[in-house]
Amino acid sequence: MLGGEKVSLRAVERDDLPNIWRWLNDEEVMYHWAIPGNTISLAALEHSFSRYSENKNPRWRWFVIETLQRLPIGIITYFDLRQHHLRAEVAIIVGEKEYWGKGYGTDAMTALLDHLFNELNLNRIHLHLAEYNTRALKSYEKCGFVKEATLRRWYFVRGKYHDGYLMSILRDEFNQGRITP
């Protein structure tokens, strides 16, 4: 289990799937992930979880984000881990909307970054987000991520194109204290 000041990160269990299914089918949650209208059946999610559980590939991991009171509020993942290049991509969903804008996502991301940089010895972490997701942008900047590129017309959401951002953080930046609690 990985810990932060407001949250802990733990492995996804089969009992978590109904919450994850609800979050992945919530129009507002998925809008901020730039895929509104996303739908997935619980059976398809269970199938994906079974394949994930059987896979011993260390290139990707899911974690449930829990409050210190053990309430599951979202998921966070790293994927496309390239050990040779010491890099990975990350993504996060805080699915319980009453926890939006209160620092829970920032704390979860900080805990994951600490794990990736200081336990797995990675050097670079990156992510993508839609330009309109300003709350996530502020959170990522608090964690120390910097914009590397604007990806023009990267997302097509609700009938129009939106730019995306590619953001990254390096291990030495993270460890030099760019993180603001």
N, C-alpha and C. Protein backbone atom coordinates (compact mmCIF):
# COMPACT_ATOMS: atom_id res chain seq x y z
N MET A 1 0.85 -1.17 0.00
CA MET A 1 0.00 0.00 0.00
C MET A 1 0.89 1.24 0.00
N LEU A 2 0.52 2.22 -0.80
CA LEU A 2 1.26 3.49 -0.87
C LEU A 2 0.46 4.54 -0.13
N GLY A 3 1.13 5.45 0.55
CA GLY A 3 0.41 6.42 1.35
C GLY A 3 0.76 7.86 1.05
N GLY A 4 -0.22 8.70 1.24
CA GLY A 4 -0.06 10.14 1.16
C GLY A 4 -0.57 10.76 2.44
N GLU A 5 -0.79 12.08 2.43
CA GLU A 5 -1.30 12.76 3.61
C GLU A 5 -2.82 12.64 3.73
N LYS A 6 -3.51 12.49 2.59
CA LYS A 6 -4.98 12.41 2.58
C LYS A 6 -5.50 11.07 2.09
N VAL A 7 -4.66 10.32 1.39
CA VAL A 7 -5.12 9.09 0.74
C VAL A 7 -4.09 7.98 0.89
N SER A 8 -4.57 6.78 0.62
CA SER A 8 -3.68 5.65 0.42
C SER A 8 -4.04 5.02 -0.92
N LEU A 9 -3.07 4.37 -1.51
CA LEU A 9 -3.25 3.69 -2.79
C LEU A 9 -3.05 2.20 -2.53
N ARG A 10 -4.01 1.41 -2.98
CA ARG A 10 -3.91 -0.03 -2.77
C ARG A 10 -4.31 -0.74 -4.06
N ALA A 11 -3.98 -2.02 -4.12
CA ALA A 11 -4.30 -2.81 -5.30
C ALA A 11 -5.81 -2.87 -5.51
N VAL A 12 -6.20 -2.93 -6.77
CA VAL A 12 -7.61 -3.08 -7.13
C VAL A 12 -8.03 -4.52 -6.83
N GLU A 13 -9.17 -4.66 -6.18
CA GLU A 13 -9.76 -5.97 -5.88
C GLU A 13 -11.07 -6.11 -6.65
N ARG A 14 -11.50 -7.33 -6.82
CA ARG A 14 -12.76 -7.58 -7.55
C ARG A 14 -13.93 -6.81 -6.94
N ASP A 15 -13.94 -6.64 -5.62
CA ASP A 15 -15.01 -5.90 -4.95
C ASP A 15 -15.04 -4.42 -5.34
N ASP A 16 -13.96 -3.90 -5.92
CA ASP A 16 -13.89 -2.51 -6.34
C ASP A 16 -14.57 -2.27 -7.68
N LEU A 17 -14.81 -3.33 -8.42
CA LEU A 17 -15.29 -3.17 -9.80
C LEU A 17 -16.62 -2.43 -9.91
N PRO A 18 -17.60 -2.63 -9.03
CA PRO A 18 -18.84 -1.84 -9.17
C PRO A 18 -18.59 -0.32 -9.07
N ASN A 19 -17.70 0.11 -8.17
CA ASN A 19 -17.38 1.54 -8.09
C ASN A 19 -16.67 2.01 -9.34
N ILE A 20 -15.69 1.25 -9.79
CA ILE A 20 -14.95 1.64 -11.00
C ILE A 20 -15.90 1.69 -12.19
N TRP A 21 -16.79 0.70 -12.30
CA TRP A 21 -17.78 0.68 -13.38
C TRP A 21 -18.64 1.95 -13.34
N ARG A 22 -19.08 2.33 -12.13
CA ARG A 22 -19.91 3.53 -11.98
C ARG A 22 -19.13 4.78 -12.44
N TRP A 23 -17.87 4.90 -12.05
CA TRP A 23 -17.06 6.06 -12.42
C TRP A 23 -16.82 6.11 -13.93
N LEU A 24 -16.54 4.95 -14.54
CA LEU A 24 -16.27 4.90 -15.98
C LEU A 24 -17.51 5.12 -16.83
N ASN A 25 -18.67 5.08 -16.22
CA ASN A 25 -19.92 5.32 -16.94
C ASN A 25 -20.57 6.64 -16.57
N ASP A 26 -19.89 7.45 -15.78
CA ASP A 26 -20.42 8.75 -15.37
C ASP A 26 -20.02 9.80 -16.41
N GLU A 27 -21.01 10.41 -17.02
CA GLU A 27 -20.78 11.38 -18.10
C GLU A 27 -19.85 12.52 -17.67
N GLU A 28 -20.07 13.09 -16.52
CA GLU A 28 -19.25 14.23 -16.07
C GLU A 28 -17.82 13.80 -15.76
N VAL A 29 -17.66 12.67 -15.11
CA VAL A 29 -16.31 12.16 -14.81
C VAL A 29 -15.56 11.93 -16.12
N MET A 30 -16.21 11.27 -17.06
CA MET A 30 -15.55 10.94 -18.33
C MET A 30 -15.33 12.17 -19.21
N TYR A 31 -16.16 13.21 -19.07
CA TYR A 31 -15.91 14.45 -19.80
C TYR A 31 -14.54 15.00 -19.44
N HIS A 32 -14.21 14.97 -18.17
CA HIS A 32 -12.90 15.49 -17.74
C HIS A 32 -11.77 14.57 -18.17
N TRP A 33 -12.07 13.35 -18.51
CA TRP A 33 -11.08 12.41 -19.04
C TRP A 33 -11.10 12.43 -20.57
N ALA A 34 -11.91 13.34 -21.13
CA ALA A 34 -12.03 13.57 -22.58
C ALA A 34 -12.65 12.39 -23.33
N ILE A 35 -13.47 11.61 -22.64
CA ILE A 35 -14.22 10.55 -23.32
C ILE A 35 -15.65 10.47 -22.79
N PRO A 36 -16.41 11.60 -22.91
CA PRO A 36 -17.80 11.53 -22.47
C PRO A 36 -18.57 10.56 -23.34
N GLY A 37 -19.62 10.02 -22.77
CA GLY A 37 -20.38 9.03 -23.51
C GLY A 37 -19.74 7.65 -23.41
N ASN A 38 -18.66 7.57 -22.63
CA ASN A 38 -18.01 6.28 -22.42
C ASN A 38 -19.00 5.35 -21.74
N THR A 39 -19.09 4.16 -22.23
CA THR A 39 -19.88 3.15 -21.54
C THR A 39 -19.09 1.85 -21.57
N ILE A 40 -19.17 1.15 -20.48
CA ILE A 40 -18.55 -0.17 -20.39
C ILE A 40 -19.47 -1.01 -19.51
N SER A 41 -19.69 -2.22 -19.93
CA SER A 41 -20.53 -3.09 -19.11
C SER A 41 -19.72 -3.60 -17.93
N LEU A 42 -20.42 -3.97 -16.88
CA LEU A 42 -19.74 -4.55 -15.73
C LEU A 42 -19.06 -5.86 -16.13
N ALA A 43 -19.68 -6.62 -17.02
CA ALA A 43 -19.09 -7.88 -17.49
C ALA A 43 -17.78 -7.61 -18.22
N ALA A 44 -17.73 -6.58 -19.06
CA ALA A 44 -16.50 -6.26 -19.78
C ALA A 44 -15.41 -5.80 -18.82
N LEU A 45 -15.79 -5.02 -17.82
CA LEU A 45 -14.83 -4.59 -16.82
C LEU A 45 -14.30 -5.78 -16.03
N GLU A 46 -15.18 -6.71 -15.66
CA GLU A 46 -14.75 -7.92 -14.95
C GLU A 46 -13.80 -8.75 -15.80
N HIS A 47 -14.08 -8.83 -17.11
CA HIS A 47 -13.19 -9.56 -18.02
C HIS A 47 -11.81 -8.89 -18.06
N SER A 48 -11.78 -7.56 -18.18
CA SER A 48 -10.51 -6.83 -18.18
C SER A 48 -9.75 -7.05 -16.88
N PHE A 49 -10.48 -7.02 -15.77
CA PHE A 49 -9.85 -7.24 -14.47
C PHE A 49 -9.25 -8.64 -14.37
N SER A 50 -9.97 -9.63 -14.88
CA SER A 50 -9.45 -11.00 -14.85
C SER A 50 -8.17 -11.11 -15.66
N ARG A 51 -8.16 -10.51 -16.85
CA ARG A 51 -6.94 -10.53 -17.67
C ARG A 51 -5.81 -9.79 -16.96
N TYR A 52 -6.13 -8.64 -16.36
CA TYR A 52 -5.13 -7.86 -15.63
C TYR A 52 -4.57 -8.67 -14.45
N SER A 53 -5.44 -9.33 -13.71
CA SER A 53 -5.03 -10.10 -12.53
C SER A 53 -4.11 -11.25 -12.89
N GLU A 54 -4.32 -11.85 -14.05
CA GLU A 54 -3.49 -12.97 -14.49
C GLU A 54 -2.16 -12.52 -15.06
N ASN A 55 -2.09 -11.27 -15.48
CA ASN A 55 -0.90 -10.74 -16.14
C ASN A 55 0.12 -10.32 -15.09
N LYS A 56 1.29 -10.86 -15.17
CA LYS A 56 2.36 -10.50 -14.22
C LYS A 56 3.28 -9.44 -14.81
N ASN A 57 2.83 -8.78 -15.86
CA ASN A 57 3.62 -7.76 -16.54
C ASN A 57 3.74 -6.52 -15.67
N PRO A 58 4.94 -6.13 -15.29
CA PRO A 58 5.11 -4.95 -14.43
C PRO A 58 5.00 -3.63 -15.18
N ARG A 59 4.61 -3.65 -16.46
CA ARG A 59 4.56 -2.41 -17.25
C ARG A 59 3.35 -1.56 -16.92
N TRP A 60 2.37 -2.09 -16.17
CA TRP A 60 1.21 -1.28 -15.79
C TRP A 60 0.57 -1.82 -14.52
N ARG A 61 0.05 -0.88 -13.74
CA ARG A 61 -0.62 -1.23 -12.48
C ARG A 61 -1.77 -0.26 -12.23
N TRP A 62 -2.84 -0.79 -11.67
CA TRP A 62 -3.98 0.01 -11.20
C TRP A 62 -3.93 0.06 -9.69
N PHE A 63 -4.34 1.18 -9.15
CA PHE A 63 -4.49 1.33 -7.71
C PHE A 63 -5.83 2.00 -7.42
N VAL A 64 -6.46 1.61 -6.32
CA VAL A 64 -7.64 2.32 -5.84
C VAL A 64 -7.15 3.43 -4.93
N ILE A 65 -7.74 4.62 -5.08
CA ILE A 65 -7.45 5.74 -4.19
C ILE A 65 -8.48 5.69 -3.07
N GLU A 66 -7.99 5.58 -1.83
CA GLU A 66 -8.88 5.57 -0.68
C GLU A 66 -8.56 6.75 0.23
N THR A 67 -9.60 7.31 0.84
CA THR A 67 -9.37 8.30 1.88
C THR A 67 -8.76 7.58 3.08
N LEU A 68 -8.28 8.36 4.05
CA LEU A 68 -7.72 7.74 5.25
C LEU A 68 -8.78 6.98 6.04
N GLN A 69 -10.06 7.27 5.76
CA GLN A 69 -11.17 6.54 6.38
C GLN A 69 -11.54 5.29 5.57
N ARG A 70 -10.73 4.96 4.57
CA ARG A 70 -10.86 3.76 3.72
C ARG A 70 -12.04 3.83 2.76
N LEU A 71 -12.47 5.03 2.40
CA LEU A 71 -13.52 5.20 1.41
C LEU A 71 -12.89 5.27 0.02
N PRO A 72 -13.24 4.36 -0.90
CA PRO A 72 -12.68 4.43 -2.25
C PRO A 72 -13.27 5.62 -3.01
N ILE A 73 -12.39 6.46 -3.57
CA ILE A 73 -12.86 7.66 -4.27
C ILE A 73 -12.39 7.74 -5.71
N GLY A 74 -11.52 6.83 -6.13
CA GLY A 74 -11.04 6.89 -7.50
C GLY A 74 -10.00 5.82 -7.78
N ILE A 75 -9.41 5.94 -8.97
CA ILE A 75 -8.35 5.03 -9.38
C ILE A 75 -7.21 5.83 -9.98
N ILE A 76 -6.02 5.26 -9.88
CA ILE A 76 -4.83 5.87 -10.46
C ILE A 76 -4.00 4.73 -11.04
N THR A 77 -3.32 4.99 -12.12
CA THR A 77 -2.59 3.94 -12.80
C THR A 77 -1.30 4.46 -13.40
N TYR A 78 -0.36 3.56 -13.55
CA TYR A 78 0.76 3.83 -14.45
C TYR A 78 0.72 2.74 -15.51
N PHE A 79 1.19 3.10 -16.69
CA PHE A 79 1.16 2.15 -17.80
C PHE A 79 2.27 2.51 -18.77
N ASP A 80 2.47 1.62 -19.71
CA ASP A 80 3.52 1.79 -20.71
C ASP A 80 4.88 2.04 -20.04
N LEU A 81 5.12 1.36 -18.93
CA LEU A 81 6.40 1.49 -18.24
C LEU A 81 7.48 0.89 -19.13
N ARG A 82 8.47 1.69 -19.44
CA ARG A 82 9.60 1.27 -20.27
C ARG A 82 10.84 1.24 -19.40
N GLN A 83 11.18 0.06 -18.89
CA GLN A 83 12.30 -0.06 -17.96
C GLN A 83 13.62 0.39 -18.61
N HIS A 84 13.81 0.06 -19.86
CA HIS A 84 15.04 0.45 -20.55
C HIS A 84 15.22 1.97 -20.58
N HIS A 85 14.10 2.67 -20.74
CA HIS A 85 14.14 4.14 -20.83
C HIS A 85 13.81 4.82 -19.51
N LEU A 86 13.42 4.03 -18.50
CA LEU A 86 13.08 4.53 -17.17
C LEU A 86 11.97 5.58 -17.21
N ARG A 87 10.88 5.23 -17.92
CA ARG A 87 9.75 6.16 -18.04
C ARG A 87 8.43 5.40 -18.02
N ALA A 88 7.37 6.14 -17.72
CA ALA A 88 6.02 5.58 -17.75
C ALA A 88 5.03 6.72 -17.92
N GLU A 89 3.79 6.35 -18.24
CA GLU A 89 2.69 7.31 -18.32
C GLU A 89 1.76 7.05 -17.15
N VAL A 90 1.09 8.09 -16.68
CA VAL A 90 0.15 7.97 -15.57
C VAL A 90 -1.20 8.55 -15.95
N ALA A 91 -2.23 8.12 -15.21
CA ALA A 91 -3.58 8.65 -15.38
C ALA A 91 -4.31 8.48 -14.05
N ILE A 92 -5.29 9.33 -13.83
CA ILE A 92 -6.03 9.32 -12.57
C ILE A 92 -7.48 9.69 -12.82
N ILE A 93 -8.36 9.07 -12.06
CA ILE A 93 -9.78 9.45 -12.03
C ILE A 93 -10.17 9.56 -10.56
N VAL A 94 -10.59 10.73 -10.14
CA VAL A 94 -11.28 10.85 -8.86
C VAL A 94 -12.75 10.79 -9.23
N GLY A 95 -13.35 9.66 -8.96
CA GLY A 95 -14.71 9.40 -9.41
C GLY A 95 -15.79 9.95 -8.50
N GLU A 96 -15.47 10.13 -7.23
CA GLU A 96 -16.44 10.68 -6.27
C GLU A 96 -16.33 12.20 -6.31
N LYS A 97 -17.32 12.84 -6.92
CA LYS A 97 -17.24 14.27 -7.22
C LYS A 97 -17.13 15.17 -5.99
N GLU A 98 -17.64 14.72 -4.85
CA GLU A 98 -17.54 15.56 -3.65
C GLU A 98 -16.09 15.70 -3.17
N TYR A 99 -15.17 14.92 -3.76
CA TYR A 99 -13.75 15.02 -3.41
C TYR A 99 -12.96 15.81 -4.45
N TRP A 100 -13.63 16.34 -5.46
CA TRP A 100 -12.95 17.15 -6.47
C TRP A 100 -12.52 18.49 -5.87
N GLY A 101 -11.36 18.95 -6.28
CA GLY A 101 -10.89 20.28 -5.89
C GLY A 101 -10.47 20.40 -4.44
N LYS A 102 -10.23 19.28 -3.76
CA LYS A 102 -9.89 19.32 -2.34
C LYS A 102 -8.51 18.72 -2.05
N GLY A 103 -7.73 18.48 -3.08
CA GLY A 103 -6.36 18.01 -2.89
C GLY A 103 -6.18 16.51 -2.85
N TYR A 104 -7.24 15.74 -2.98
CA TYR A 104 -7.12 14.29 -2.92
C TYR A 104 -6.38 13.74 -4.15
N GLY A 105 -6.70 14.26 -5.32
CA GLY A 105 -6.02 13.81 -6.53
C GLY A 105 -4.55 14.19 -6.53
N THR A 106 -4.24 15.39 -6.07
CA THR A 106 -2.86 15.84 -5.98
C THR A 106 -2.07 14.95 -5.02
N ASP A 107 -2.67 14.61 -3.89
CA ASP A 107 -2.01 13.76 -2.92
C ASP A 107 -1.79 12.35 -3.48
N ALA A 108 -2.80 11.82 -4.18
CA ALA A 108 -2.66 10.49 -4.79
C ALA A 108 -1.56 10.48 -5.83
N MET A 109 -1.52 11.52 -6.67
CA MET A 109 -0.49 11.58 -7.72
C MET A 109 0.89 11.71 -7.09
N THR A 110 1.01 12.51 -6.04
CA THR A 110 2.30 12.67 -5.36
C THR A 110 2.77 11.33 -4.79
N ALA A 111 1.86 10.57 -4.19
CA ALA A 111 2.22 9.25 -3.64
C ALA A 111 2.68 8.31 -4.75
N LEU A 112 1.97 8.33 -5.88
CA LEU A 112 2.36 7.47 -7.00
C LEU A 112 3.71 7.89 -7.56
N LEU A 113 3.92 9.20 -7.72
CA LEU A 113 5.21 9.68 -8.24
C LEU A 113 6.35 9.27 -7.33
N ASP A 114 6.15 9.37 -6.03
CA ASP A 114 7.19 8.97 -5.09
C ASP A 114 7.53 7.49 -5.29
N HIS A 115 6.53 6.67 -5.46
CA HIS A 115 6.75 5.24 -5.71
C HIS A 115 7.51 5.02 -7.02
N LEU A 116 7.07 5.67 -8.07
CA LEU A 116 7.69 5.46 -9.38
C LEU A 116 9.13 5.95 -9.43
N PHE A 117 9.38 7.10 -8.83
CA PHE A 117 10.73 7.66 -8.86
C PHE A 117 11.67 7.01 -7.84
N ASN A 118 11.19 6.82 -6.65
CA ASN A 118 12.09 6.45 -5.56
C ASN A 118 12.07 4.98 -5.20
N GLU A 119 11.11 4.22 -5.71
CA GLU A 119 11.12 2.77 -5.49
C GLU A 119 11.37 2.02 -6.79
N LEU A 120 10.77 2.46 -7.89
CA LEU A 120 10.99 1.80 -9.17
C LEU A 120 12.13 2.43 -9.96
N ASN A 121 12.66 3.54 -9.46
CA ASN A 121 13.84 4.19 -10.04
C ASN A 121 13.60 4.72 -11.46
N LEU A 122 12.38 5.15 -11.75
CA LEU A 122 12.12 5.75 -13.05
C LEU A 122 12.69 7.16 -13.08
N ASN A 123 12.88 7.67 -14.29
CA ASN A 123 13.45 9.01 -14.45
C ASN A 123 12.44 10.02 -14.98
N ARG A 124 11.43 9.55 -15.69
CA ARG A 124 10.48 10.47 -16.34
C ARG A 124 9.08 9.88 -16.26
N ILE A 125 8.11 10.74 -15.92
CA ILE A 125 6.70 10.36 -15.92
C ILE A 125 5.98 11.41 -16.76
N HIS A 126 5.07 10.95 -17.60
CA HIS A 126 4.31 11.90 -18.41
C HIS A 126 2.83 11.54 -18.40
N LEU A 127 2.03 12.49 -18.89
CA LEU A 127 0.58 12.31 -18.97
C LEU A 127 0.03 13.21 -20.05
N HIS A 128 -1.21 12.95 -20.41
CA HIS A 128 -1.95 13.77 -21.37
C HIS A 128 -3.22 14.27 -20.70
N LEU A 129 -3.66 15.47 -21.07
CA LEU A 129 -4.95 15.95 -20.61
C LEU A 129 -5.53 16.94 -21.60
N ALA A 130 -6.84 17.10 -21.52
CA ALA A 130 -7.54 18.05 -22.37
C ALA A 130 -7.37 19.46 -21.81
N GLU A 131 -7.24 20.43 -22.70
CA GLU A 131 -7.01 21.82 -22.29
C GLU A 131 -8.11 22.35 -21.37
N TYR A 132 -9.31 21.88 -21.52
CA TYR A 132 -10.42 22.41 -20.73
C TYR A 132 -10.46 21.85 -19.31
N ASN A 133 -9.63 20.86 -19.01
CA ASN A 133 -9.63 20.27 -17.68
C ASN A 133 -8.69 21.08 -16.77
N THR A 134 -9.12 22.28 -16.47
CA THR A 134 -8.26 23.23 -15.74
C THR A 134 -8.00 22.80 -14.29
N ARG A 135 -8.94 22.11 -13.69
CA ARG A 135 -8.71 21.64 -12.32
C ARG A 135 -7.57 20.62 -12.31
N ALA A 136 -7.57 19.69 -13.26
CA ALA A 136 -6.49 18.70 -13.35
C ALA A 136 -5.17 19.39 -13.67
N LEU A 137 -5.19 20.38 -14.56
CA LEU A 137 -3.97 21.10 -14.91
C LEU A 137 -3.33 21.72 -13.66
N LYS A 138 -4.15 22.37 -12.83
CA LYS A 138 -3.62 22.97 -11.59
C LYS A 138 -3.05 21.90 -10.67
N SER A 139 -3.72 20.78 -10.56
CA SER A 139 -3.25 19.70 -9.70
C SER A 139 -1.90 19.16 -10.20
N TYR A 140 -1.81 18.92 -11.49
CA TYR A 140 -0.55 18.39 -12.05
C TYR A 140 0.59 19.38 -11.87
N GLU A 141 0.29 20.65 -12.05
CA GLU A 141 1.35 21.67 -11.84
C GLU A 141 1.79 21.70 -10.38
N LYS A 142 0.84 21.52 -9.43
CA LYS A 142 1.22 21.43 -8.02
C LYS A 142 2.16 20.26 -7.76
N CYS A 143 1.95 19.17 -8.49
CA CYS A 143 2.81 17.99 -8.34
C CYS A 143 4.18 18.20 -8.97
N GLY A 144 4.32 19.23 -9.79
CA GLY A 144 5.60 19.51 -10.43
C GLY A 144 5.65 19.22 -11.92
N PHE A 145 4.54 18.75 -12.49
CA PHE A 145 4.51 18.52 -13.94
C PHE A 145 4.64 19.84 -14.68
N VAL A 146 5.29 19.81 -15.83
CA VAL A 146 5.39 20.98 -16.70
C VAL A 146 4.84 20.62 -18.08
N LYS A 147 4.27 21.62 -18.74
CA LYS A 147 3.77 21.42 -20.10
C LYS A 147 4.96 21.30 -21.03
N GLU A 148 4.97 20.24 -21.80
CA GLU A 148 6.00 20.06 -22.81
C GLU A 148 5.49 20.45 -24.18
N ALA A 149 4.22 20.21 -24.42
CA ALA A 149 3.69 20.45 -25.76
C ALA A 149 2.19 20.67 -25.71
N THR A 150 1.72 21.45 -26.65
CA THR A 150 0.30 21.56 -26.92
C THR A 150 0.03 20.67 -28.13
N LEU A 151 -0.89 19.75 -27.97
CA LEU A 151 -1.25 18.81 -29.02
C LEU A 151 -2.51 19.35 -29.69
N ARG A 152 -2.32 19.95 -30.84
CA ARG A 152 -3.42 20.65 -31.49
C ARG A 152 -4.53 19.69 -31.92
N ARG A 153 -5.76 20.10 -31.59
CA ARG A 153 -6.95 19.32 -31.94
C ARG A 153 -6.78 17.84 -31.58
N TRP A 154 -6.32 17.59 -30.40
CA TRP A 154 -6.00 16.24 -29.92
C TRP A 154 -7.26 15.46 -29.54
N TYR A 155 -8.24 16.16 -29.00
CA TYR A 155 -9.46 15.51 -28.52
C TYR A 155 -10.66 16.04 -29.30
N PHE A 156 -11.60 15.15 -29.62
CA PHE A 156 -12.88 15.55 -30.20
C PHE A 156 -13.95 15.21 -29.17
N VAL A 157 -14.47 16.24 -28.51
CA VAL A 157 -15.38 16.06 -27.39
C VAL A 157 -16.59 16.97 -27.58
N ARG A 158 -17.76 16.38 -27.44
CA ARG A 158 -19.03 17.12 -27.54
C ARG A 158 -19.11 17.98 -28.79
N GLY A 159 -18.71 17.38 -29.89
CA GLY A 159 -18.90 18.01 -31.19
C GLY A 159 -17.84 19.02 -31.61
N LYS A 160 -16.76 19.16 -30.85
CA LYS A 160 -15.71 20.08 -31.29
C LYS A 160 -14.34 19.58 -30.86
N TYR A 161 -13.35 20.09 -31.55
CA TYR A 161 -11.97 19.73 -31.24
C TYR A 161 -11.44 20.56 -30.09
N HIS A 162 -10.59 19.92 -29.29
CA HIS A 162 -9.92 20.59 -28.17
C HIS A 162 -8.45 20.22 -28.22
N ASP A 163 -7.62 21.19 -27.90
CA ASP A 163 -6.20 20.89 -27.78
C ASP A 163 -5.97 20.03 -26.55
N GLY A 164 -4.87 19.32 -26.57
CA GLY A 164 -4.43 18.55 -25.42
C GLY A 164 -3.07 19.04 -24.99
N TYR A 165 -2.68 18.66 -23.81
CA TYR A 165 -1.34 18.98 -23.33
C TYR A 165 -0.61 17.69 -23.02
N LEU A 166 0.66 17.69 -23.34
CA LEU A 166 1.58 16.66 -22.88
C LEU A 166 2.37 17.29 -21.75
N MET A 167 2.33 16.67 -20.58
CA MET A 167 3.04 17.19 -19.41
C MET A 167 3.97 16.10 -18.89
N SER A 168 5.06 16.53 -18.26
CA SER A 168 6.00 15.56 -17.70
C SER A 168 6.65 16.12 -16.44
N ILE A 169 7.27 15.20 -15.71
CA ILE A 169 8.08 15.54 -14.55
C ILE A 169 9.24 14.55 -14.52
N LEU A 170 10.40 15.04 -14.13
CA LEU A 170 11.59 14.21 -14.02
C LEU A 170 11.89 13.93 -12.55
N ARG A 171 12.58 12.83 -12.31
CA ARG A 171 12.87 12.43 -10.93
C ARG A 171 13.59 13.52 -10.16
N ASP A 172 14.62 14.15 -10.74
CA ASP A 172 15.35 15.17 -9.98
C ASP A 172 14.47 16.38 -9.67
N GLU A 173 13.53 16.72 -10.57
CA GLU A 173 12.60 17.81 -10.28
C GLU A 173 11.70 17.45 -9.10
N PHE A 174 11.18 16.24 -9.13
CA PHE A 174 10.30 15.79 -8.04
C PHE A 174 11.05 15.79 -6.71
N ASN A 175 12.25 15.26 -6.71
CA ASN A 175 13.01 15.12 -5.47
C ASN A 175 13.63 16.43 -5.00
N GLN A 176 13.68 17.44 -5.85
CA GLN A 176 14.21 18.74 -5.43
C GLN A 176 13.13 19.59 -4.75
N GLY A 177 11.97 19.02 -4.57
CA GLY A 177 10.95 19.71 -3.79
C GLY A 177 10.06 20.64 -4.56
N ARG A 178 9.89 20.40 -5.85
CA ARG A 178 8.96 21.23 -6.62
C ARG A 178 7.52 20.99 -6.18
N ILE A 179 7.29 19.94 -5.43
CA ILE A 179 5.94 19.60 -4.99
C ILE A 179 5.52 20.57 -3.88
N THR A 180 4.33 21.13 -4.03
CA THR A 180 3.78 21.95 -2.97
C THR A 180 2.59 21.22 -2.38
N PRO A 181 2.62 20.97 -1.07
CA PRO A 181 1.53 20.17 -0.47
C PRO A 181 0.18 20.83 -0.60
